[in-house]
Amino acid sequence: MKNFALIALLTMISSISFASELLGTTKLARHRDDADLIRLTPVRCGLSEVRLQVNVRAAEIDHLAVQYANGMWDELSLRDRFARGSSSRWMNLRGLGDRCIKKIVVVGDSDGLPGRQATVSIFGR
């Protein structure tokens, strides 16, 4: 019985640590190095990693800039082309303790036909 309780507890802890939440979504323009802002209201605290997922169209993402509630910025370099439906790796956020995210800026542009925009979703855990 003790083994069962231990396995149940470990399963619960592992599922909590890998759960992710959608922080926001934006559409990228076709302009080179366009900056698209996602404001988090309310501010999200306690996150240690973020990743992005590209939907609808392919996109070329240069970097993410994350602003914390204390005013500090963190730049996460990607410099990669993402196919529709693909995701980045999980990227560690700088700093210790509670990381309260206020804004995320996505710098990049949509690939493909004019007038079509890539949709980028940002997740945190």
PDB file of N, CA and C in Angstrom:
ATOM      1  N   MET A   1       0.811  -1.189   0.000  1.00  0.00           N
ATOM      2  CA  MET A   1       0.000   0.000   0.000  1.00  0.00           C
ATOM      3  C   MET A   1       0.859   1.260   0.000  1.00  0.00           C
ATOM      4  N   LYS A   2       2.000   1.220   0.735  1.00  0.00           N
ATOM      5  CA  LYS A   2       2.887   2.380   0.771  1.00  0.00           C
ATOM      6  C   LYS A   2       3.444   2.676  -0.617  1.00  0.00           C
ATOM      7  N   ASN A   3       3.785   1.616  -1.377  1.00  0.00           N
ATOM      8  CA  ASN A   3       4.312   1.806  -2.723  1.00  0.00           C
ATOM      9  C   ASN A   3       3.287   2.479  -3.630  1.00  0.00           C
ATOM     10  N   PHE A   4       2.022   2.068  -3.494  1.00  0.00           N
ATOM     11  CA  PHE A   4       0.961   2.662  -4.291  1.00  0.00           C
ATOM     12  C   PHE A   4       0.826   4.154  -3.983  1.00  0.00           C
ATOM     13  N   ALA A   5       0.857   4.525  -2.710  1.00  0.00           N
ATOM     14  CA  ALA A   5       0.743   5.933  -2.309  1.00  0.00           C
ATOM     15  C   ALA A   5       1.930   6.738  -2.833  1.00  0.00           C
ATOM     16  N   LEU A   6       3.122   6.179  -2.775  1.00  0.00           N
ATOM     17  CA  LEU A   6       4.320   6.852  -3.269  1.00  0.00           C
ATOM     18  C   LEU A   6       4.245   7.052  -4.781  1.00  0.00           C
ATOM     19  N   ILE A   7       3.813   6.037  -5.504  1.00  0.00           N
ATOM     20  CA  ILE A   7       3.683   6.147  -6.958  1.00  0.00           C
ATOM     21  C   ILE A   7       2.628   7.187  -7.318  1.00  0.00           C
ATOM     22  N   ALA A   8       1.513   7.204  -6.606  1.00  0.00           N
ATOM     23  CA  ALA A   8       0.460   8.196  -6.866  1.00  0.00           C
ATOM     24  C   ALA A   8       0.971   9.608  -6.613  1.00  0.00           C
ATOM     25  N   LEU A   9       1.718   9.788  -5.536  1.00  0.00           N
ATOM     26  CA  LEU A   9       2.277  11.111  -5.213  1.00  0.00           C
ATOM     27  C   LEU A   9       3.273  11.559  -6.272  1.00  0.00           C
ATOM     28  N   LEU A  10       4.168  10.696  -6.700  1.00  0.00           N
ATOM     29  CA  LEU A  10       5.150  11.042  -7.729  1.00  0.00           C
ATOM     30  C   LEU A  10       4.477  11.357  -9.055  1.00  0.00           C
ATOM     31  N   THR A  11       3.435  10.628  -9.402  1.00  0.00           N
ATOM     32  CA  THR A  11       2.690  10.889 -10.632  1.00  0.00           C
ATOM     33  C   THR A  11       2.041  12.265 -10.577  1.00  0.00           C
ATOM     34  N   MET A  12       1.454  12.620  -9.435  1.00  0.00           N
ATOM     35  CA  MET A  12       0.809  13.913  -9.278  1.00  0.00           C
ATOM     36  C   MET A  12       1.836  15.042  -9.379  1.00  0.00           C
ATOM     37  N   ILE A  13       2.982  14.901  -8.730  1.00  0.00           N
ATOM     38  CA  ILE A  13       4.020  15.929  -8.768  1.00  0.00           C
ATOM     39  C   ILE A  13       4.548  16.105 -10.183  1.00  0.00           C
ATOM     40  N   SER A  14       4.797  15.015 -10.908  1.00  0.00           N
ATOM     41  CA  SER A  14       5.331  15.134 -12.263  1.00  0.00           C
ATOM     42  C   SER A  14       4.320  15.771 -13.207  1.00  0.00           C
ATOM     43  N   SER A  15       3.037  15.504 -13.031  1.00  0.00           N
ATOM     44  CA  SER A  15       2.038  16.110 -13.905  1.00  0.00           C
ATOM     45  C   SER A  15       1.892  17.591 -13.621  1.00  0.00           C
ATOM     46  N   ILE A  16       2.064  18.012 -12.379  1.00  0.00           N
ATOM     47  CA  ILE A  16       1.985  19.429 -12.044  1.00  0.00           C
ATOM     48  C   ILE A  16       3.173  20.178 -12.624  1.00  0.00           C
ATOM     49  N   SER A  17       4.367  19.628 -12.512  1.00  0.00           N
ATOM     50  CA  SER A  17       5.563  20.337 -12.960  1.00  0.00           C
ATOM     51  C   SER A  17       5.625  20.489 -14.474  1.00  0.00           C
ATOM     52  N   PHE A  18       4.922  19.628 -15.236  1.00  0.00           N
ATOM     53  CA  PHE A  18       4.978  19.725 -16.682  1.00  0.00           C
ATOM     54  C   PHE A  18       3.744  20.366 -17.296  1.00  0.00           C
ATOM     55  N   ALA A  19       2.778  20.760 -16.476  1.00  0.00           N
ATOM     56  CA  ALA A  19       1.580  21.421 -16.991  1.00  0.00           C
ATOM     57  C   ALA A  19       1.957  22.802 -17.510  1.00  0.00           C
ATOM     58  N   SER A  20       1.366  23.186 -18.630  1.00  0.00           N
ATOM     59  CA  SER A  20       1.651  24.510 -19.180  1.00  0.00           C
ATOM     60  C   SER A  20       0.357  25.273 -19.340  1.00  0.00           C
ATOM     61  N   GLU A  21       0.475  26.594 -19.361  1.00  0.00           N
ATOM     62  CA  GLU A  21      -0.701  27.443 -19.543  1.00  0.00           C
ATOM     63  C   GLU A  21      -0.455  28.408 -20.693  1.00  0.00           C
ATOM     64  N   LEU A  22      -1.513  28.700 -21.411  1.00  0.00           N
ATOM     65  CA  LEU A  22      -1.445  29.665 -22.503  1.00  0.00           C
ATOM     66  C   LEU A  22      -1.333  31.053 -21.906  1.00  0.00           C
ATOM     67  N   LEU A  23      -0.274  31.791 -22.270  1.00  0.00           N
ATOM     68  CA  LEU A  23      -0.079  33.146 -21.770  1.00  0.00           C
ATOM     69  C   LEU A  23      -0.684  34.189 -22.694  1.00  0.00           C
ATOM     70  N   GLY A  24      -0.715  33.893 -23.993  1.00  0.00           N
ATOM     71  CA  GLY A  24      -1.294  34.829 -24.944  1.00  0.00           C
ATOM     72  C   GLY A  24      -1.010  34.430 -26.375  1.00  0.00           C
ATOM     73  N   THR A  25      -1.687  35.123 -27.290  1.00  0.00           N
ATOM     74  CA  THR A  25      -1.570  34.855 -28.716  1.00  0.00           C
ATOM     75  C   THR A  25      -1.493  36.176 -29.463  1.00  0.00           C
ATOM     76  N   THR A  26      -0.714  36.207 -30.545  1.00  0.00           N
ATOM     77  CA  THR A  26      -0.625  37.394 -31.391  1.00  0.00           C
ATOM     78  C   THR A  26      -0.483  36.961 -32.843  1.00  0.00           C
ATOM     79  N   LYS A  27      -0.807  37.875 -33.758  1.00  0.00           N
ATOM     80  CA  LYS A  27      -0.618  37.628 -35.190  1.00  0.00           C
ATOM     81  C   LYS A  27       0.591  38.436 -35.647  1.00  0.00           C
ATOM     82  N   LEU A  28       1.469  37.771 -36.385  1.00  0.00           N
ATOM     83  CA  LEU A  28       2.671  38.435 -36.888  1.00  0.00           C
ATOM     84  C   LEU A  28       2.394  39.077 -38.238  1.00  0.00           C
ATOM     85  N   ALA A  29       2.902  40.268 -38.435  1.00  0.00           N
ATOM     86  CA  ALA A  29       2.797  40.932 -39.733  1.00  0.00           C
ATOM     87  C   ALA A  29       3.859  40.359 -40.664  1.00  0.00           C
ATOM     88  N   ARG A  30       3.847  40.802 -41.914  1.00  0.00           N
ATOM     89  CA  ARG A  30       4.838  40.319 -42.877  1.00  0.00           C
ATOM     90  C   ARG A  30       6.059  41.232 -42.925  1.00  0.00           C
ATOM     91  N   HIS A  31       6.125  42.236 -42.055  1.00  0.00           N
ATOM     92  CA  HIS A  31       7.275  43.143 -42.033  1.00  0.00           C
ATOM     93  C   HIS A  31       8.445  42.460 -41.337  1.00  0.00           C
ATOM     94  N   ARG A  32       9.619  42.639 -41.889  1.00  0.00           N
ATOM     95  CA  ARG A  32      10.811  42.035 -41.289  1.00  0.00           C
ATOM     96  C   ARG A  32      11.033  42.613 -39.899  1.00  0.00           C
ATOM     97  N   ASP A  33      11.281  41.757 -38.939  1.00  0.00           N
ATOM     98  CA  ASP A  33      11.539  42.121 -37.544  1.00  0.00           C
ATOM     99  C   ASP A  33      10.429  42.972 -36.942  1.00  0.00           C
ATOM    100  N   ASP A  34       9.184  42.625 -37.267  1.00  0.00           N
ATOM    101  CA  ASP A  34       8.031  43.272 -36.658  1.00  0.00           C
ATOM    102  C   ASP A  34       7.971  42.861 -35.187  1.00  0.00           C
ATOM    103  N   ALA A  35       7.586  43.776 -34.313  1.00  0.00           N
ATOM    104  CA  ALA A  35       7.473  43.482 -32.886  1.00  0.00           C
ATOM    105  C   ALA A  35       5.999  43.464 -32.501  1.00  0.00           C
ATOM    106  N   ASP A  36       5.523  42.337 -32.017  1.00  0.00           N
ATOM    107  CA  ASP A  36       4.129  42.184 -31.606  1.00  0.00           C
ATOM    108  C   ASP A  36       4.075  41.955 -30.103  1.00  0.00           C
ATOM    109  N   LEU A  37       3.221  42.732 -29.432  1.00  0.00           N
ATOM    110  CA  LEU A  37       3.158  42.753 -27.978  1.00  0.00           C
ATOM    111  C   LEU A  37       2.002  41.913 -27.446  1.00  0.00           C
ATOM    112  N   ILE A  38       2.297  41.126 -26.414  1.00  0.00           N
ATOM    113  CA  ILE A  38       1.279  40.404 -25.664  1.00  0.00           C
ATOM    114  C   ILE A  38       1.342  40.925 -24.231  1.00  0.00           C
ATOM    115  N   ARG A  39       0.253  41.564 -23.782  1.00  0.00           N
ATOM    116  CA  ARG A  39       0.162  42.037 -22.391  1.00  0.00           C
ATOM    117  C   ARG A  39      -0.548  40.972 -21.575  1.00  0.00           C
ATOM    118  N   LEU A  40       0.038  40.640 -20.437  1.00  0.00           N
ATOM    119  CA  LEU A  40      -0.562  39.639 -19.570  1.00  0.00           C
ATOM    120  C   LEU A  40      -1.329  40.335 -18.453  1.00  0.00           C
ATOM    121  N   THR A  41      -2.636  40.226 -18.515  1.00  0.00           N
ATOM    122  CA  THR A  41      -3.474  40.786 -17.459  1.00  0.00           C
ATOM    123  C   THR A  41      -4.405  39.692 -16.980  1.00  0.00           C
ATOM    124  N   PRO A  42      -4.288  39.245 -15.770  1.00  0.00           N
ATOM    125  CA  PRO A  42      -3.354  39.735 -14.762  1.00  0.00           C
ATOM    126  C   PRO A  42      -1.941  39.221 -15.015  1.00  0.00           C
ATOM    127  N   VAL A  43      -0.983  39.823 -14.341  1.00  0.00           N
ATOM    128  CA  VAL A  43       0.414  39.404 -14.430  1.00  0.00           C
ATOM    129  C   VAL A  43       0.504  37.943 -13.989  1.00  0.00           C
ATOM    130  N   ARG A  44       1.323  37.136 -14.696  1.00  0.00           N
ATOM    131  CA  ARG A  44       1.476  35.706 -14.359  1.00  0.00           C
ATOM    132  C   ARG A  44       2.773  35.512 -13.571  1.00  0.00           C
ATOM    133  N   CYS A  45       2.667  34.918 -12.409  1.00  0.00           N
ATOM    134  CA  CYS A  45       3.828  34.694 -11.534  1.00  0.00           C
ATOM    135  C   CYS A  45       4.131  33.206 -11.391  1.00  0.00           C
ATOM    136  N   GLY A  46       5.348  32.922 -10.949  1.00  0.00           N
ATOM    137  CA  GLY A  46       5.744  31.553 -10.653  1.00  0.00           C
ATOM    138  C   GLY A  46       6.142  30.722 -11.857  1.00  0.00           C
ATOM    139  N   LEU A  47       6.375  31.350 -12.996  1.00  0.00           N
ATOM    140  CA  LEU A  47       6.772  30.610 -14.196  1.00  0.00           C
ATOM    141  C   LEU A  47       8.289  30.548 -14.293  1.00  0.00           C
ATOM    142  N   SER A  48       8.806  29.442 -14.807  1.00  0.00           N
ATOM    143  CA  SER A  48      10.255  29.320 -14.956  1.00  0.00           C
ATOM    144  C   SER A  48      10.674  29.129 -16.404  1.00  0.00           C
ATOM    145  N   GLU A  49       9.706  28.784 -17.293  1.00  0.00           N
ATOM    146  CA  GLU A  49      10.020  28.543 -18.697  1.00  0.00           C
ATOM    147  C   GLU A  49       8.879  29.028 -19.588  1.00  0.00           C
ATOM    148  N   VAL A  50       9.238  29.393 -20.817  1.00  0.00           N
ATOM    149  CA  VAL A  50       8.240  29.732 -21.835  1.00  0.00           C
ATOM    150  C   VAL A  50       8.616  29.044 -23.142  1.00  0.00           C
ATOM    151  N   ARG A  51       7.631  28.883 -24.006  1.00  0.00           N
ATOM    152  CA  ARG A  51       7.879  28.390 -25.358  1.00  0.00           C
ATOM    153  C   ARG A  51       6.817  28.977 -26.264  1.00  0.00           C
ATOM    154  N   LEU A  52       7.095  28.981 -27.560  1.00  0.00           N
ATOM    155  CA  LEU A  52       6.103  29.490 -28.496  1.00  0.00           C
ATOM    156  C   LEU A  52       5.683  28.391 -29.447  1.00  0.00           C
ATOM    157  N   GLN A  53       4.479  28.548 -29.970  1.00  0.00           N
ATOM    158  CA  GLN A  53       3.945  27.624 -30.968  1.00  0.00           C
ATOM    159  C   GLN A  53       3.416  28.466 -32.118  1.00  0.00           C
ATOM    160  N   VAL A  54       3.784  28.102 -33.335  1.00  0.00           N
ATOM    161  CA  VAL A  54       3.365  28.830 -34.528  1.00  0.00           C
ATOM    162  C   VAL A  54       2.183  28.096 -35.159  1.00  0.00           C
ATOM    163  N   ASN A  55       1.108  28.843 -35.417  1.00  0.00           N
ATOM    164  CA  ASN A  55      -0.113  28.277 -35.984  1.00  0.00           C
ATOM    165  C   ASN A  55      -0.457  29.001 -37.285  1.00  0.00           C
ATOM    166  N   VAL A  56      -1.284  28.413 -38.090  1.00  0.00           N
ATOM    167  CA  VAL A  56      -1.869  28.951 -39.320  1.00  0.00           C
ATOM    168  C   VAL A  56      -0.861  29.082 -40.457  1.00  0.00           C
ATOM    169  N   ARG A  57       0.234  29.831 -40.306  1.00  0.00           N
ATOM    170  CA  ARG A  57       1.265  30.040 -41.327  1.00  0.00           C
ATOM    171  C   ARG A  57       2.643  29.830 -40.724  1.00  0.00           C
ATOM    172  N   ALA A  58       3.628  29.616 -41.574  1.00  0.00           N
ATOM    173  CA  ALA A  58       5.022  29.537 -41.120  1.00  0.00           C
ATOM    174  C   ALA A  58       5.483  30.930 -40.696  1.00  0.00           C
ATOM    175  N   ALA A  59       6.490  30.978 -39.843  1.00  0.00           N
ATOM    176  CA  ALA A  59       7.011  32.260 -39.361  1.00  0.00           C
ATOM    177  C   ALA A  59       8.504  32.154 -39.108  1.00  0.00           C
ATOM    178  N   GLU A  60       9.154  33.289 -39.191  1.00  0.00           N
ATOM    179  CA  GLU A  60      10.567  33.394 -38.843  1.00  0.00           C
ATOM    180  C   GLU A  60      10.643  34.264 -37.594  1.00  0.00           C
ATOM    181  N   ILE A  61      11.088  33.678 -36.487  1.00  0.00           N
ATOM    182  CA  ILE A  61      11.111  34.375 -35.198  1.00  0.00           C
ATOM    183  C   ILE A  61      12.559  34.650 -34.823  1.00  0.00           C
ATOM    184  N   ASP A  62      12.859  35.906 -34.549  1.00  0.00           N
ATOM    185  CA  ASP A  62      14.204  36.299 -34.146  1.00  0.00           C
ATOM    186  C   ASP A  62      14.395  36.105 -32.643  1.00  0.00           C
ATOM    187  N   HIS A  63      13.517  36.716 -31.841  1.00  0.00           N
ATOM    188  CA  HIS A  63      13.627  36.556 -30.391  1.00  0.00           C
ATOM    189  C   HIS A  63      12.334  36.938 -29.678  1.00  0.00           C
ATOM    190  N   LEU A  64      12.271  36.570 -28.401  1.00  0.00           N
ATOM    191  CA  LEU A  64      11.210  36.995 -27.504  1.00  0.00           C
ATOM    192  C   LEU A  64      11.835  37.915 -26.472  1.00  0.00           C
ATOM    193  N   ALA A  65      11.136  38.979 -26.119  1.00  0.00           N
ATOM    194  CA  ALA A  65      11.561  39.853 -25.027  1.00  0.00           C
ATOM    195  C   ALA A  65      10.483  39.770 -23.960  1.00  0.00           C
ATOM    196  N   VAL A  66      10.886  39.405 -22.755  1.00  0.00           N
ATOM    197  CA  VAL A  66       9.948  39.221 -21.651  1.00  0.00           C
ATOM    198  C   VAL A  66      10.183  40.336 -20.640  1.00  0.00           C
ATOM    199  N   GLN A  67       9.111  41.070 -20.294  1.00  0.00           N
ATOM    200  CA  GLN A  67       9.226  42.088 -19.251  1.00  0.00           C
ATOM    201  C   GLN A  67       8.555  41.569 -17.990  1.00  0.00           C
ATOM    202  N   TYR A  68       9.296  41.667 -16.880  1.00  0.00           N
ATOM    203  CA  TYR A  68       8.779  41.239 -15.595  1.00  0.00           C
ATOM    204  C   TYR A  68       8.074  42.401 -14.906  1.00  0.00           C
ATOM    205  N   ALA A  69       7.292  42.098 -13.883  1.00  0.00           N
ATOM    206  CA  ALA A  69       6.535  43.117 -13.158  1.00  0.00           C
ATOM    207  C   ALA A  69       7.447  44.144 -12.489  1.00  0.00           C
ATOM    208  N   ASN A  70       8.703  43.764 -12.199  1.00  0.00           N
ATOM    209  CA  ASN A  70       9.639  44.699 -11.572  1.00  0.00           C
ATOM    210  C   ASN A  70      10.324  45.617 -12.597  1.00  0.00           C
ATOM    211  N   GLY A  71       9.949  45.513 -13.885  1.00  0.00           N
ATOM    212  CA  GLY A  71      10.498  46.371 -14.931  1.00  0.00           C
ATOM    213  C   GLY A  71      11.690  45.796 -15.677  1.00  0.00           C
ATOM    214  N   MET A  72      12.293  44.725 -15.170  1.00  0.00           N
ATOM    215  CA  MET A  72      13.452  44.112 -15.824  1.00  0.00           C
ATOM    216  C   MET A  72      13.015  43.371 -17.090  1.00  0.00           C
ATOM    217  N   TRP A  73      13.938  43.294 -18.075  1.00  0.00           N
ATOM    218  CA  TRP A  73      13.681  42.599 -19.340  1.00  0.00           C
ATOM    219  C   TRP A  73      14.589  41.389 -19.469  1.00  0.00           C
ATOM    220  N   ASP A  74      14.114  40.392 -20.160  1.00  0.00           N
ATOM    221  CA  ASP A  74      14.864  39.177 -20.451  1.00  0.00           C
ATOM    222  C   ASP A  74      14.702  38.904 -21.941  1.00  0.00           C
ATOM    223  N   GLU A  75      15.808  38.768 -22.683  1.00  0.00           N
ATOM    224  CA  GLU A  75      15.733  38.490 -24.118  1.00  0.00           C
ATOM    225  C   GLU A  75      16.076  37.031 -24.371  1.00  0.00           C
ATOM    226  N   LEU A  76      15.167  36.332 -25.056  1.00  0.00           N
ATOM    227  CA  LEU A  76      15.341  34.916 -25.367  1.00  0.00           C
ATOM    228  C   LEU A  76      15.515  34.773 -26.871  1.00  0.00           C
ATOM    229  N   SER A  77      16.717  34.460 -27.289  1.00  0.00           N
ATOM    230  CA  SER A  77      17.043  34.387 -28.708  1.00  0.00           C
ATOM    231  C   SER A  77      16.563  33.077 -29.319  1.00  0.00           C
ATOM    232  N   LEU A  78      15.938  33.184 -30.500  1.00  0.00           N
ATOM    233  CA  LEU A  78      15.481  31.999 -31.228  1.00  0.00           C
ATOM    234  C   LEU A  78      16.153  31.912 -32.598  1.00  0.00           C
ATOM    235  N   ARG A  79      16.056  32.982 -33.381  1.00  0.00           N
ATOM    236  CA  ARG A  79      16.630  33.054 -34.729  1.00  0.00           C
ATOM    237  C   ARG A  79      16.387  31.765 -35.519  1.00  0.00           C
ATOM    238  N   ASP A  80      15.104  31.476 -35.730  1.00  0.00           N
ATOM    239  CA  ASP A  80      14.759  30.220 -36.385  1.00  0.00           C
ATOM    240  C   ASP A  80      13.481  30.388 -37.201  1.00  0.00           C
ATOM    241  N   ARG A  81      13.322  29.539 -38.204  1.00  0.00           N
ATOM    242  CA  ARG A  81      12.101  29.495 -39.007  1.00  0.00           C
ATOM    243  C   ARG A  81      11.268  28.341 -38.483  1.00  0.00           C
ATOM    244  N   PHE A  82       9.987  28.599 -38.253  1.00  0.00           N
ATOM    245  CA  PHE A  82       9.076  27.603 -37.707  1.00  0.00           C
ATOM    246  C   PHE A  82       7.994  27.288 -38.725  1.00  0.00           C
ATOM    247  N   ALA A  83       7.804  26.022 -38.993  1.00  0.00           N
ATOM    248  CA  ALA A  83       6.714  25.589 -39.872  1.00  0.00           C
ATOM    249  C   ALA A  83       5.391  25.727 -39.120  1.00  0.00           C
ATOM    250  N   ARG A  84       4.313  25.785 -39.858  1.00  0.00           N
ATOM    251  CA  ARG A  84       2.988  25.836 -39.245  1.00  0.00           C
ATOM    252  C   ARG A  84       2.813  24.630 -38.329  1.00  0.00           C
ATOM    253  N   GLY A  85       2.344  24.875 -37.112  1.00  0.00           N
ATOM    254  CA  GLY A  85       2.111  23.803 -36.153  1.00  0.00           C
ATOM    255  C   GLY A  85       3.310  23.399 -35.324  1.00  0.00           C
ATOM    256  N   SER A  86       4.470  23.995 -35.564  1.00  0.00           N
ATOM    257  CA  SER A  86       5.660  23.613 -34.805  1.00  0.00           C
ATOM    258  C   SER A  86       5.837  24.501 -33.572  1.00  0.00           C
ATOM    259  N   SER A  87       6.689  24.044 -32.656  1.00  0.00           N
ATOM    260  CA  SER A  87       6.937  24.748 -31.400  1.00  0.00           C
ATOM    261  C   SER A  87       8.428  24.909 -31.172  1.00  0.00           C
ATOM    262  N   SER A  88       8.769  25.900 -30.359  1.00  0.00           N
ATOM    263  CA  SER A  88      10.158  26.075 -29.948  1.00  0.00           C
ATOM    264  C   SER A  88      10.446  25.131 -28.776  1.00  0.00           C
ATOM    265  N   ARG A  89      11.670  25.108 -28.352  1.00  0.00           N
ATOM    266  CA  ARG A  89      12.034  24.376 -27.141  1.00  0.00           C
ATOM    267  C   ARG A  89      11.536  25.188 -25.936  1.00  0.00           C
ATOM    268  N   TRP A  90      11.493  24.580 -24.765  1.00  0.00           N
ATOM    269  CA  TRP A  90      11.201  25.330 -23.548  1.00  0.00           C
ATOM    270  C   TRP A  90      12.440  26.154 -23.219  1.00  0.00           C
ATOM    271  N   MET A  91      12.240  27.447 -22.993  1.00  0.00           N
ATOM    272  CA  MET A  91      13.351  28.363 -22.712  1.00  0.00           C
ATOM    273  C   MET A  91      13.270  28.832 -21.265  1.00  0.00           C
ATOM    274  N   ASN A  92      14.381  28.694 -20.545  1.00  0.00           N
ATOM    275  CA  ASN A  92      14.435  29.104 -19.144  1.00  0.00           C
ATOM    276  C   ASN A  92      14.394  30.622 -19.019  1.00  0.00           C
ATOM    277  N   LEU A  93      13.633  31.085 -18.029  1.00  0.00           N
ATOM    278  CA  LEU A  93      13.589  32.507 -17.725  1.00  0.00           C
ATOM    279  C   LEU A  93      14.682  32.828 -16.726  1.00  0.00           C
ATOM    280  N   ARG A  94      15.240  34.019 -16.859  1.00  0.00           N
ATOM    281  CA  ARG A  94      16.324  34.450 -15.985  1.00  0.00           C
ATOM    282  C   ARG A  94      15.766  34.823 -14.610  1.00  0.00           C
ATOM    283  N   GLY A  95      16.617  34.819 -13.616  1.00  0.00           N
ATOM    284  CA  GLY A  95      16.217  35.273 -12.291  1.00  0.00           C
ATOM    285  C   GLY A  95      15.843  34.136 -11.363  1.00  0.00           C
ATOM    286  N   LEU A  96      15.701  34.475 -10.108  1.00  0.00           N
ATOM    287  CA  LEU A  96      15.350  33.504  -9.080  1.00  0.00           C
ATOM    288  C   LEU A  96      14.003  33.869  -8.476  1.00  0.00           C
ATOM    289  N   GLY A  97      13.408  32.919  -7.783  1.00  0.00           N
ATOM    290  CA  GLY A  97      12.142  33.181  -7.099  1.00  0.00           C
ATOM    291  C   GLY A  97      11.002  33.357  -8.077  1.00  0.00           C
ATOM    292  N   ASP A  98       9.999  34.093  -7.649  1.00  0.00           N
ATOM    293  CA  ASP A  98       8.826  34.323  -8.495  1.00  0.00           C
ATOM    294  C   ASP A  98       9.192  35.212  -9.673  1.00  0.00           C
ATOM    295  N   ARG A  99       8.916  34.725 -10.851  1.00  0.00           N
ATOM    296  CA  ARG A  99       9.107  35.505 -12.070  1.00  0.00           C
ATOM    297  C   ARG A  99       7.719  35.929 -12.512  1.00  0.00           C
ATOM    298  N   CYS A 100       7.372  37.166 -12.268  1.00  0.00           N
ATOM    299  CA  CYS A 100       6.048  37.682 -12.615  1.00  0.00           C
ATOM    300  C   CYS A 100       6.136  38.373 -13.970  1.00  0.00           C
ATOM    301  N   ILE A 101       5.529  37.763 -14.989  1.00  0.00           N
ATOM    302  CA  ILE A 101       5.614  38.275 -16.356  1.00  0.00           C
ATOM    303  C   ILE A 101       4.490  39.262 -16.609  1.00  0.00           C
ATOM    304  N   LYS A 102       4.880  40.425 -17.131  1.00  0.00           N
ATOM    305  CA  LYS A 102       3.942  41.507 -17.427  1.00  0.00           C
ATOM    306  C   LYS A 102       3.656  41.606 -18.923  1.00  0.00           C
ATOM    307  N   LYS A 103       4.716  41.491 -19.751  1.00  0.00           N
ATOM    308  CA  LYS A 103       4.596  41.615 -21.208  1.00  0.00           C
ATOM    309  C   LYS A 103       5.537  40.631 -21.889  1.00  0.00           C
ATOM    310  N   ILE A 104       5.144  40.232 -23.095  1.00  0.00           N
ATOM    311  CA  ILE A 104       6.022  39.448 -23.956  1.00  0.00           C
ATOM    312  C   ILE A 104       5.978  40.084 -25.339  1.00  0.00           C
ATOM    313  N   VAL A 105       7.153  40.380 -25.894  1.00  0.00           N
ATOM    314  CA  VAL A 105       7.258  40.933 -27.237  1.00  0.00           C
ATOM    315  C   VAL A 105       7.832  39.850 -28.144  1.00  0.00           C
ATOM    316  N   VAL A 106       7.124  39.560 -29.237  1.00  0.00           N
ATOM    317  CA  VAL A 106       7.573  38.578 -30.222  1.00  0.00           C
ATOM    318  C   VAL A 106       8.134  39.354 -31.408  1.00  0.00           C
ATOM    319  N   VAL A 107       9.408  39.134 -31.733  1.00  0.00           N
ATOM    320  CA  VAL A 107      10.049  39.829 -32.848  1.00  0.00           C
ATOM    321  C   VAL A 107      10.274  38.819 -33.961  1.00  0.00           C
ATOM    322  N   GLY A 108       9.598  39.043 -35.100  1.00  0.00           N
ATOM    323  CA  GLY A 108       9.697  38.135 -36.234  1.00  0.00           C
ATOM    324  C   GLY A 108       8.698  38.521 -37.293  1.00  0.00           C
ATOM    325  N   ASP A 109       8.507  37.673 -38.286  1.00  0.00           N
ATOM    326  CA  ASP A 109       7.542  37.965 -39.349  1.00  0.00           C
ATOM    327  C   ASP A 109       6.967  36.679 -39.919  1.00  0.00           C
ATOM    328  N   SER A 110       5.820  36.829 -40.591  1.00  0.00           N
ATOM    329  CA  SER A 110       5.147  35.703 -41.240  1.00  0.00           C
ATOM    330  C   SER A 110       5.824  35.374 -42.557  1.00  0.00           C
ATOM    331  N   ASP A 111       5.838  34.108 -42.913  1.00  0.00           N
ATOM    332  CA  ASP A 111       6.309  33.671 -44.223  1.00  0.00           C
ATOM    333  C   ASP A 111       5.096  33.387 -45.100  1.00  0.00           C
ATOM    334  N   GLY A 112       5.299  33.352 -46.394  1.00  0.00           N
ATOM    335  CA  GLY A 112       4.212  32.966 -47.286  1.00  0.00           C
ATOM    336  C   GLY A 112       3.604  34.129 -48.040  1.00  0.00           C
ATOM    337  N   LEU A 113       2.367  33.940 -48.450  1.00  0.00           N
ATOM    338  CA  LEU A 113       1.688  34.910 -49.290  1.00  0.00           C
ATOM    339  C   LEU A 113       1.381  36.207 -48.542  1.00  0.00           C
ATOM    340  N   PRO A 114       1.415  37.347 -49.269  1.00  0.00           N
ATOM    341  CA  PRO A 114       1.050  38.620 -48.642  1.00  0.00           C
ATOM    342  C   PRO A 114      -0.393  38.567 -48.124  1.00  0.00           C
ATOM    343  N   GLY A 115      -0.630  39.232 -47.004  1.00  0.00           N
ATOM    344  CA  GLY A 115      -1.960  39.274 -46.433  1.00  0.00           C
ATOM    345  C   GLY A 115      -2.268  38.123 -45.487  1.00  0.00           C
ATOM    346  N   ARG A 116      -1.441  37.109 -45.489  1.00  0.00           N
ATOM    347  CA  ARG A 116      -1.632  35.972 -44.582  1.00  0.00           C
ATOM    348  C   ARG A 116      -0.700  36.148 -43.392  1.00  0.00           C
ATOM    349  N   GLN A 117      -1.230  35.983 -42.200  1.00  0.00           N
ATOM    350  CA  GLN A 117      -0.440  36.182 -40.992  1.00  0.00           C
ATOM    351  C   GLN A 117      -0.290  34.893 -40.207  1.00  0.00           C
ATOM    352  N   ALA A 118       0.908  34.695 -39.663  1.00  0.00           N
ATOM    353  CA  ALA A 118       1.131  33.576 -38.749  1.00  0.00           C
ATOM    354  C   ALA A 118       0.593  33.970 -37.380  1.00  0.00           C
ATOM    355  N   THR A 119      -0.001  33.016 -36.702  1.00  0.00           N
ATOM    356  CA  THR A 119      -0.464  33.227 -35.329  1.00  0.00           C
ATOM    357  C   THR A 119       0.525  32.528 -34.410  1.00  0.00           C
ATOM    358  N   VAL A 120       0.998  33.268 -33.390  1.00  0.00           N
ATOM    359  CA  VAL A 120       1.971  32.731 -32.450  1.00  0.00           C
ATOM    360  C   VAL A 120       1.331  32.691 -31.070  1.00  0.00           C
ATOM    361  N   SER A 121       1.388  31.537 -30.425  1.00  0.00           N
ATOM    362  CA  SER A 121       0.887  31.363 -29.062  1.00  0.00           C
ATOM    363  C   SER A 121       2.079  31.160 -28.141  1.00  0.00           C
ATOM    364  N   ILE A 122       2.036  31.791 -26.965  1.00  0.00           N
ATOM    365  CA  ILE A 122       3.109  31.666 -25.990  1.00  0.00           C
ATOM    366  C   ILE A 122       2.563  30.889 -24.785  1.00  0.00           C
ATOM    367  N   PHE A 123       3.316  29.876 -24.376  1.00  0.00           N
ATOM    368  CA  PHE A 123       2.943  29.051 -23.229  1.00  0.00           C
ATOM    369  C   PHE A 123       3.985  29.198 -22.126  1.00  0.00           C
ATOM    370  N   GLY A 124       3.578  29.030 -20.891  1.00  0.00           N
ATOM    371  CA  GLY A 124       4.491  29.104 -19.770  1.00  0.00           C
ATOM    372  C   GLY A 124       4.266  27.935 -18.826  1.00  0.00           C
ATOM    373  N   ARG A 125       5.306  27.618 -18.063  1.00  0.00           N
ATOM    374  CA  ARG A 125       5.187  26.597 -17.015  1.00  0.00           C
ATOM    375  C   ARG A 125       6.195  26.885 -15.930  1.00  0.00           C
TER     376      ARG A 125
END
